[in-house]
Amino acid sequence: MHVVIMDQAGFHMKEEDQRIPSNIRVLPPYCPELNPAEWFGRVVKAPTVNRIYESLERLENHLIAVARRWSTPDQVGTLIHK
């Protein structure tokens, strides 16, 4: 069973909402160290900035290649700073 993690953004349901399925875990308010999405931007940005891309397609291909390195749950798990 996959566990989905949901932050407490205003448009998400509150932790005590009975409609939240059992495989959903709600994060505490603002905890970037537990949210891989917060760190993924840095992971993609580091090998991308300060380079010149001949076209938007080349930039897109580069971003896809960088993102593919983070395509397994174990790899994403390394972005969570416990």
PDB file of N, CA and C in Angstrom:
ATOM      1  N   MET A   1       0.849  -1.178   0.000  1.00  0.00           N
ATOM      2  CA  MET A   1       0.000   0.000   0.000  1.00  0.00           C
ATOM      3  C   MET A   1       0.889   1.234   0.000  1.00  0.00           C
ATOM      4  N   HIS A   2       0.595   2.182  -0.854  1.00  0.00           N
ATOM      5  CA  HIS A   2       1.331   3.436  -0.916  1.00  0.00           C
ATOM      6  C   HIS A   2       0.766   4.411   0.100  1.00  0.00           C
ATOM      7  N   VAL A   3       1.637   5.155   0.716  1.00  0.00           N
ATOM      8  CA  VAL A   3       1.213   6.209   1.634  1.00  0.00           C
ATOM      9  C   VAL A   3       1.368   7.536   0.916  1.00  0.00           C
ATOM     10  N   VAL A   4       0.317   8.296   0.900  1.00  0.00           N
ATOM     11  CA  VAL A   4       0.337   9.620   0.295  1.00  0.00           C
ATOM     12  C   VAL A   4       0.472  10.626   1.422  1.00  0.00           C
ATOM     13  N   ILE A   5       1.345  11.594   1.232  1.00  0.00           N
ATOM     14  CA  ILE A   5       1.553  12.613   2.249  1.00  0.00           C
ATOM     15  C   ILE A   5       0.936  13.912   1.755  1.00  0.00           C
ATOM     16  N   MET A   6       0.172  14.544   2.619  1.00  0.00           N
ATOM     17  CA  MET A   6      -0.517  15.774   2.255  1.00  0.00           C
ATOM     18  C   MET A   6      -0.145  16.854   3.265  1.00  0.00           C
ATOM     19  N   ASP A   7       0.221  18.022   2.765  1.00  0.00           N
ATOM     20  CA  ASP A   7       0.536  19.103   3.697  1.00  0.00           C
ATOM     21  C   ASP A   7      -0.745  19.795   4.124  1.00  0.00           C
ATOM     22  N   GLN A   8      -0.632  20.830   4.905  1.00  0.00           N
ATOM     23  CA  GLN A   8      -1.821  21.500   5.435  1.00  0.00           C
ATOM     24  C   GLN A   8      -2.123  22.792   4.693  1.00  0.00           C
ATOM     25  N   ALA A   9      -1.958  22.761   3.380  1.00  0.00           N
ATOM     26  CA  ALA A   9      -2.332  23.920   2.576  1.00  0.00           C
ATOM     27  C   ALA A   9      -3.824  24.184   2.759  1.00  0.00           C
ATOM     28  N   GLY A  10      -4.207  25.428   2.625  1.00  0.00           N
ATOM     29  CA  GLY A  10      -5.591  25.818   2.869  1.00  0.00           C
ATOM     30  C   GLY A  10      -6.618  25.062   2.053  1.00  0.00           C
ATOM     31  N   PHE A  11      -6.241  24.580   0.881  1.00  0.00           N
ATOM     32  CA  PHE A  11      -7.190  23.872   0.024  1.00  0.00           C
ATOM     33  C   PHE A  11      -7.240  22.374   0.316  1.00  0.00           C
ATOM     34  N   HIS A  12      -6.381  21.866   1.209  1.00  0.00           N
ATOM     35  CA  HIS A  12      -6.433  20.465   1.603  1.00  0.00           C
ATOM     36  C   HIS A  12      -7.369  20.284   2.795  1.00  0.00           C
ATOM     37  N   MET A  13      -7.831  19.059   2.964  1.00  0.00           N
ATOM     38  CA  MET A  13      -8.683  18.754   4.112  1.00  0.00           C
ATOM     39  C   MET A  13      -7.850  18.799   5.393  1.00  0.00           C
ATOM     40  N   LYS A  14      -8.500  19.071   6.480  1.00  0.00           N
ATOM     41  CA  LYS A  14      -7.827  19.094   7.771  1.00  0.00           C
ATOM     42  C   LYS A  14      -7.583  17.671   8.263  1.00  0.00           C
ATOM     43  N   GLU A  15      -6.590  17.499   9.121  1.00  0.00           N
ATOM     44  CA  GLU A  15      -6.184  16.179   9.612  1.00  0.00           C
ATOM     45  C   GLU A  15      -7.334  15.409  10.247  1.00  0.00           C
ATOM     46  N   GLU A  16      -8.226  16.104  10.929  1.00  0.00           N
ATOM     47  CA  GLU A  16      -9.316  15.426  11.629  1.00  0.00           C
ATOM     48  C   GLU A  16     -10.510  15.099  10.727  1.00  0.00           C
ATOM     49  N   ASP A  17     -10.440  15.463   9.465  1.00  0.00           N
ATOM     50  CA  ASP A  17     -11.543  15.199   8.528  1.00  0.00           C
ATOM     51  C   ASP A  17     -11.683  13.688   8.315  1.00  0.00           C
ATOM     52  N   GLN A  18     -12.851  13.153   8.587  1.00  0.00           N
ATOM     53  CA  GLN A  18     -13.099  11.716   8.493  1.00  0.00           C
ATOM     54  C   GLN A  18     -13.070  11.191   7.053  1.00  0.00           C
ATOM     55  N   ARG A  19     -13.104  12.072   6.076  1.00  0.00           N
ATOM     56  CA  ARG A  19     -13.088  11.642   4.673  1.00  0.00           C
ATOM     57  C   ARG A  19     -11.683  11.308   4.179  1.00  0.00           C
ATOM     58  N   ILE A  20     -10.672  11.616   4.961  1.00  0.00           N
ATOM     59  CA  ILE A  20      -9.292  11.330   4.534  1.00  0.00           C
ATOM     60  C   ILE A  20      -9.065   9.824   4.600  1.00  0.00           C
ATOM     61  N   PRO A  21      -8.686   9.198   3.478  1.00  0.00           N
ATOM     62  CA  PRO A  21      -8.437   7.752   3.470  1.00  0.00           C
ATOM     63  C   PRO A  21      -7.302   7.364   4.405  1.00  0.00           C
ATOM     64  N   SER A  22      -7.275   6.119   4.795  1.00  0.00           N
ATOM     65  CA  SER A  22      -6.281   5.645   5.765  1.00  0.00           C
ATOM     66  C   SER A  22      -4.858   5.680   5.221  1.00  0.00           C
ATOM     67  N   ASN A  23      -4.692   5.722   3.899  1.00  0.00           N
ATOM     68  CA  ASN A  23      -3.337   5.746   3.350  1.00  0.00           C
ATOM     69  C   ASN A  23      -2.815   7.170   3.141  1.00  0.00           C
ATOM     70  N   ILE A  24      -3.492   8.148   3.700  1.00  0.00           N
ATOM     71  CA  ILE A  24      -3.078   9.552   3.611  1.00  0.00           C
ATOM     72  C   ILE A  24      -2.536   9.981   4.965  1.00  0.00           C
ATOM     73  N   ARG A  25      -1.359  10.553   4.963  1.00  0.00           N
ATOM     74  CA  ARG A  25      -0.774  11.090   6.193  1.00  0.00           C
ATOM     75  C   ARG A  25      -0.671  12.598   6.034  1.00  0.00           C
ATOM     76  N   VAL A  26      -1.165  13.330   7.002  1.00  0.00           N
ATOM     77  CA  VAL A  26      -1.137  14.780   6.944  1.00  0.00           C
ATOM     78  C   VAL A  26       0.102  15.274   7.685  1.00  0.00           C
ATOM     79  N   LEU A  27       0.864  16.120   7.014  1.00  0.00           N
ATOM     80  CA  LEU A  27       2.076  16.676   7.617  1.00  0.00           C
ATOM     81  C   LEU A  27       1.715  17.777   8.614  1.00  0.00           C
ATOM     82  N   PRO A  28       2.589  18.032   9.577  1.00  0.00           N
ATOM     83  CA  PRO A  28       2.389  19.182  10.454  1.00  0.00           C
ATOM     84  C   PRO A  28       2.473  20.467   9.632  1.00  0.00           C
ATOM     85  N   PRO A  29       1.956  21.571  10.160  1.00  0.00           N
ATOM     86  CA  PRO A  29       2.045  22.830   9.405  1.00  0.00           C
ATOM     87  C   PRO A  29       3.508  23.166   9.102  1.00  0.00           C
ATOM     88  N   TYR A  30       3.762  23.566   7.919  1.00  0.00           N
ATOM     89  CA  TYR A  30       5.081  23.933   7.400  1.00  0.00           C
ATOM     90  C   TYR A  30       6.224  23.091   7.967  1.00  0.00           C
ATOM     91  N   CYS A  31       6.527  22.052   7.244  1.00  0.00           N
ATOM     92  CA  CYS A  31       7.653  21.187   7.623  1.00  0.00           C
ATOM     93  C   CYS A  31       8.381  20.758   6.353  1.00  0.00           C
ATOM     94  N   PRO A  32       9.119  21.655   5.731  1.00  0.00           N
ATOM     95  CA  PRO A  32       9.781  21.330   4.464  1.00  0.00           C
ATOM     96  C   PRO A  32      10.742  20.157   4.565  1.00  0.00           C
ATOM     97  N   GLU A  33      11.261  19.898   5.751  1.00  0.00           N
ATOM     98  CA  GLU A  33      12.204  18.788   5.896  1.00  0.00           C
ATOM     99  C   GLU A  33      11.530  17.436   5.706  1.00  0.00           C
ATOM    100  N   LEU A  34      10.189  17.383   5.815  1.00  0.00           N
ATOM    101  CA  LEU A  34       9.463  16.132   5.619  1.00  0.00           C
ATOM    102  C   LEU A  34       8.769  16.053   4.269  1.00  0.00           C
ATOM    103  N   ASN A  35       8.846  17.099   3.484  1.00  0.00           N
ATOM    104  CA  ASN A  35       8.130  17.150   2.215  1.00  0.00           C
ATOM    105  C   ASN A  35       9.137  17.125   1.058  1.00  0.00           C
ATOM    106  N   PRO A  36       9.245  15.978   0.354  1.00  0.00           N
ATOM    107  CA  PRO A  36      10.231  15.880  -0.718  1.00  0.00           C
ATOM    108  C   PRO A  36      10.063  16.944  -1.800  1.00  0.00           C
ATOM    109  N   ALA A  37       8.847  17.401  -2.028  1.00  0.00           N
ATOM    110  CA  ALA A  37       8.631  18.409  -3.073  1.00  0.00           C
ATOM    111  C   ALA A  37       9.369  19.701  -2.758  1.00  0.00           C
ATOM    112  N   GLU A  38       9.527  20.016  -1.483  1.00  0.00           N
ATOM    113  CA  GLU A  38      10.236  21.227  -1.090  1.00  0.00           C
ATOM    114  C   GLU A  38      11.707  21.166  -1.520  1.00  0.00           C
ATOM    115  N   TRP A  39      12.293  19.987  -1.489  1.00  0.00           N
ATOM    116  CA  TRP A  39      13.713  19.825  -1.800  1.00  0.00           C
ATOM    117  C   TRP A  39      13.958  19.527  -3.269  1.00  0.00           C
ATOM    118  N   PHE A  40      12.933  19.013  -3.967  1.00  0.00           N
ATOM    119  CA  PHE A  40      13.125  18.614  -5.355  1.00  0.00           C
ATOM    120  C   PHE A  40      13.499  19.807  -6.235  1.00  0.00           C
ATOM    121  N   GLY A  41      12.929  20.956  -5.969  1.00  0.00           N
ATOM    122  CA  GLY A  41      13.274  22.147  -6.754  1.00  0.00           C
ATOM    123  C   GLY A  41      14.752  22.452  -6.690  1.00  0.00           C
ATOM    124  N   ARG A  42      15.347  22.289  -5.530  1.00  0.00           N
ATOM    125  CA  ARG A  42      16.786  22.531  -5.378  1.00  0.00           C
ATOM    126  C   ARG A  42      17.598  21.494  -6.138  1.00  0.00           C
ATOM    127  N   VAL A  43      17.116  20.257  -6.108  1.00  0.00           N
ATOM    128  CA  VAL A  43      17.813  19.169  -6.797  1.00  0.00           C
ATOM    129  C   VAL A  43      17.820  19.412  -8.300  1.00  0.00           C
ATOM    130  N   VAL A  44      16.725  19.901  -8.833  1.00  0.00           N
ATOM    131  CA  VAL A  44      16.639  20.169 -10.268  1.00  0.00           C
ATOM    132  C   VAL A  44      17.385  21.450 -10.629  1.00  0.00           C
ATOM    133  N   LYS A  45      17.320  22.429  -9.754  1.00  0.00           N
ATOM    134  CA  LYS A  45      17.924  23.723 -10.053  1.00  0.00           C
ATOM    135  C   LYS A  45      19.451  23.649 -10.119  1.00  0.00           C
ATOM    136  N   ALA A  46      20.054  22.938  -9.199  1.00  0.00           N
ATOM    137  CA  ALA A  46      21.516  22.917  -9.105  1.00  0.00           C
ATOM    138  C   ALA A  46      22.212  22.559 -10.425  1.00  0.00           C
ATOM    139  N   PRO A  47      21.816  21.482 -11.126  1.00  0.00           N
ATOM    140  CA  PRO A  47      22.508  21.160 -12.371  1.00  0.00           C
ATOM    141  C   PRO A  47      21.963  21.908 -13.593  1.00  0.00           C
ATOM    142  N   THR A  48      21.024  22.819 -13.379  1.00  0.00           N
ATOM    143  CA  THR A  48      20.353  23.484 -14.498  1.00  0.00           C
ATOM    144  C   THR A  48      20.743  24.950 -14.644  1.00  0.00           C
ATOM    145  N   VAL A  49      20.977  25.632 -13.548  1.00  0.00           N
ATOM    146  CA  VAL A  49      21.244  27.070 -13.606  1.00  0.00           C
ATOM    147  C   VAL A  49      22.628  27.369 -14.172  1.00  0.00           C
ATOM    148  N   ASN A  50      22.788  28.606 -14.590  1.00  0.00           N
ATOM    149  CA  ASN A  50      24.066  29.106 -15.122  1.00  0.00           C
ATOM    150  C   ASN A  50      24.541  28.334 -16.347  1.00  0.00           C
ATOM    151  N   ARG A  51      23.597  27.878 -17.144  1.00  0.00           N
ATOM    152  CA  ARG A  51      23.908  27.209 -18.402  1.00  0.00           C
ATOM    153  C   ARG A  51      23.089  27.865 -19.503  1.00  0.00           C
ATOM    154  N   ILE A  52      23.579  27.804 -20.698  1.00  0.00           N
ATOM    155  CA  ILE A  52      22.841  28.334 -21.844  1.00  0.00           C
ATOM    156  C   ILE A  52      22.290  27.152 -22.630  1.00  0.00           C
ATOM    157  N   TYR A  53      21.000  27.199 -22.901  1.00  0.00           N
ATOM    158  CA  TYR A  53      20.332  26.150 -23.667  1.00  0.00           C
ATOM    159  C   TYR A  53      19.978  26.726 -25.037  1.00  0.00           C
ATOM    160  N   GLU A  54      20.326  26.003 -26.073  1.00  0.00           N
ATOM    161  CA  GLU A  54      20.110  26.495 -27.432  1.00  0.00           C
ATOM    162  C   GLU A  54      18.643  26.614 -27.792  1.00  0.00           C
ATOM    163  N   SER A  55      17.798  25.889 -27.066  1.00  0.00           N
ATOM    164  CA  SER A  55      16.367  25.940 -27.348  1.00  0.00           C
ATOM    165  C   SER A  55      15.594  25.516 -26.108  1.00  0.00           C
ATOM    166  N   LEU A  56      14.324  25.805 -26.113  1.00  0.00           N
ATOM    167  CA  LEU A  56      13.458  25.372 -25.024  1.00  0.00           C
ATOM    168  C   LEU A  56      13.411  23.846 -24.975  1.00  0.00           C
ATOM    169  N   GLU A  57      13.455  23.219 -26.113  1.00  0.00           N
ATOM    170  CA  GLU A  57      13.443  21.747 -26.164  1.00  0.00           C
ATOM    171  C   GLU A  57      14.667  21.162 -25.449  1.00  0.00           C
ATOM    172  N   ARG A  58      15.825  21.770 -25.653  1.00  0.00           N
ATOM    173  CA  ARG A  58      17.031  21.277 -24.956  1.00  0.00           C
ATOM    174  C   ARG A  58      16.929  21.464 -23.441  1.00  0.00           C
ATOM    175  N   LEU A  59      16.367  22.588 -23.023  1.00  0.00           N
ATOM    176  CA  LEU A  59      16.141  22.797 -21.590  1.00  0.00           C
ATOM    177  C   LEU A  59      15.167  21.751 -21.052  1.00  0.00           C
ATOM    178  N   GLU A  60      14.086  21.509 -21.771  1.00  0.00           N
ATOM    179  CA  GLU A  60      13.107  20.500 -21.344  1.00  0.00           C
ATOM    180  C   GLU A  60      13.751  19.120 -21.243  1.00  0.00           C
ATOM    181  N   ASN A  61      14.537  18.760 -22.243  1.00  0.00           N
ATOM    182  CA  ASN A  61      15.216  17.457 -22.220  1.00  0.00           C
ATOM    183  C   ASN A  61      16.174  17.346 -21.035  1.00  0.00           C
ATOM    184  N   HIS A  62      16.870  18.427 -20.748  1.00  0.00           N
ATOM    185  CA  HIS A  62      17.779  18.432 -19.597  1.00  0.00           C
ATOM    186  C   HIS A  62      16.989  18.243 -18.296  1.00  0.00           C
ATOM    187  N   LEU A  63      15.897  18.972 -18.134  1.00  0.00           N
ATOM    188  CA  LEU A  63      15.079  18.854 -16.924  1.00  0.00           C
ATOM    189  C   LEU A  63      14.510  17.444 -16.768  1.00  0.00           C
ATOM    190  N   ILE A  64      14.085  16.861 -17.861  1.00  0.00           N
ATOM    191  CA  ILE A  64      13.567  15.488 -17.819  1.00  0.00           C
ATOM    192  C   ILE A  64      14.669  14.523 -17.392  1.00  0.00           C
ATOM    193  N   ALA A  65      15.857  14.681 -17.932  1.00  0.00           N
ATOM    194  CA  ALA A  65      16.973  13.804 -17.563  1.00  0.00           C
ATOM    195  C   ALA A  65      17.321  13.940 -16.084  1.00  0.00           C
ATOM    196  N   VAL A  66      17.333  15.161 -15.578  1.00  0.00           N
ATOM    197  CA  VAL A  66      17.625  15.379 -14.158  1.00  0.00           C
ATOM    198  C   VAL A  66      16.526  14.759 -13.298  1.00  0.00           C
ATOM    199  N   ALA A  67      15.278  14.965 -13.682  1.00  0.00           N
ATOM    200  CA  ALA A  67      14.150  14.446 -12.895  1.00  0.00           C
ATOM    201  C   ALA A  67      14.122  12.921 -12.891  1.00  0.00           C
ATOM    202  N   ARG A  68      14.530  12.298 -13.977  1.00  0.00           N
ATOM    203  CA  ARG A  68      14.517  10.823 -14.046  1.00  0.00           C
ATOM    204  C   ARG A  68      15.406  10.193 -12.980  1.00  0.00           C
ATOM    205  N   ARG A  69      16.429  10.910 -12.592  1.00  0.00           N
ATOM    206  CA  ARG A  69      17.313  10.383 -11.544  1.00  0.00           C
ATOM    207  C   ARG A  69      16.571  10.206 -10.229  1.00  0.00           C
ATOM    208  N   TRP A  70      15.414  10.839 -10.101  1.00  0.00           N
ATOM    209  CA  TRP A  70      14.639  10.823  -8.863  1.00  0.00           C
ATOM    210  C   TRP A  70      13.306  10.116  -9.077  1.00  0.00           C
ATOM    211  N   SER A  71      13.325   8.997  -9.813  1.00  0.00           N
ATOM    212  CA  SER A  71      12.080   8.351 -10.216  1.00  0.00           C
ATOM    213  C   SER A  71      11.670   7.149  -9.374  1.00  0.00           C
ATOM    214  N   THR A  72      12.429   6.807  -8.340  1.00  0.00           N
ATOM    215  CA  THR A  72      12.034   5.683  -7.492  1.00  0.00           C
ATOM    216  C   THR A  72      11.736   6.187  -6.083  1.00  0.00           C
ATOM    217  N   PRO A  73      10.873   5.467  -5.359  1.00  0.00           N
ATOM    218  CA  PRO A  73      10.568   5.877  -3.978  1.00  0.00           C
ATOM    219  C   PRO A  73      11.806   5.999  -3.094  1.00  0.00           C
ATOM    220  N   ASP A  74      12.773   5.100  -3.276  1.00  0.00           N
ATOM    221  CA  ASP A  74      13.993   5.172  -2.454  1.00  0.00           C
ATOM    222  C   ASP A  74      14.765   6.460  -2.715  1.00  0.00           C
ATOM    223  N   GLN A  75      14.839   6.854  -3.989  1.00  0.00           N
ATOM    224  CA  GLN A  75      15.544   8.085  -4.320  1.00  0.00           C
ATOM    225  C   GLN A  75      14.807   9.297  -3.749  1.00  0.00           C
ATOM    226  N   VAL A  76      13.502   9.324  -3.879  1.00  0.00           N
ATOM    227  CA  VAL A  76      12.721  10.424  -3.329  1.00  0.00           C
ATOM    228  C   VAL A  76      12.861  10.455  -1.812  1.00  0.00           C
ATOM    229  N   GLY A  77      12.918   9.294  -1.195  1.00  0.00           N
ATOM    230  CA  GLY A  77      13.079   9.205   0.251  1.00  0.00           C
ATOM    231  C   GLY A  77      14.337   9.879   0.754  1.00  0.00           C
ATOM    232  N   THR A  78      15.364   9.945  -0.081  1.00  0.00           N
ATOM    233  CA  THR A  78      16.597  10.606   0.339  1.00  0.00           C
ATOM    234  C   THR A  78      16.430  12.120   0.455  1.00  0.00           C
ATOM    235  N   LEU A  79      15.351  12.652  -0.126  1.00  0.00           N
ATOM    236  CA  LEU A  79      15.097  14.091  -0.026  1.00  0.00           C
ATOM    237  C   LEU A  79      14.434  14.475   1.288  1.00  0.00           C
ATOM    238  N   ILE A  80      14.001  13.480   2.048  1.00  0.00           N
ATOM    239  CA  ILE A  80      13.355  13.741   3.331  1.00  0.00           C
ATOM    240  C   ILE A  80      14.416  13.799   4.400  1.00  0.00           C
ATOM    241  N   HIS A  81      14.532  14.936   5.042  1.00  0.00           N
ATOM    242  CA  HIS A  81      15.552  15.135   6.065  1.00  0.00           C
ATOM    243  C   HIS A  81      14.929  14.868   7.427  1.00  0.00           C
ATOM    244  N   LYS A  82      15.252  13.711   7.981  1.00  0.00           N
ATOM    245  CA  LYS A  82      14.638  13.305   9.257  1.00  0.00           C
ATOM    246  C   LYS A  82      15.421  13.809  10.427  1.00  0.00           C
TER     247      LYS A  82
END
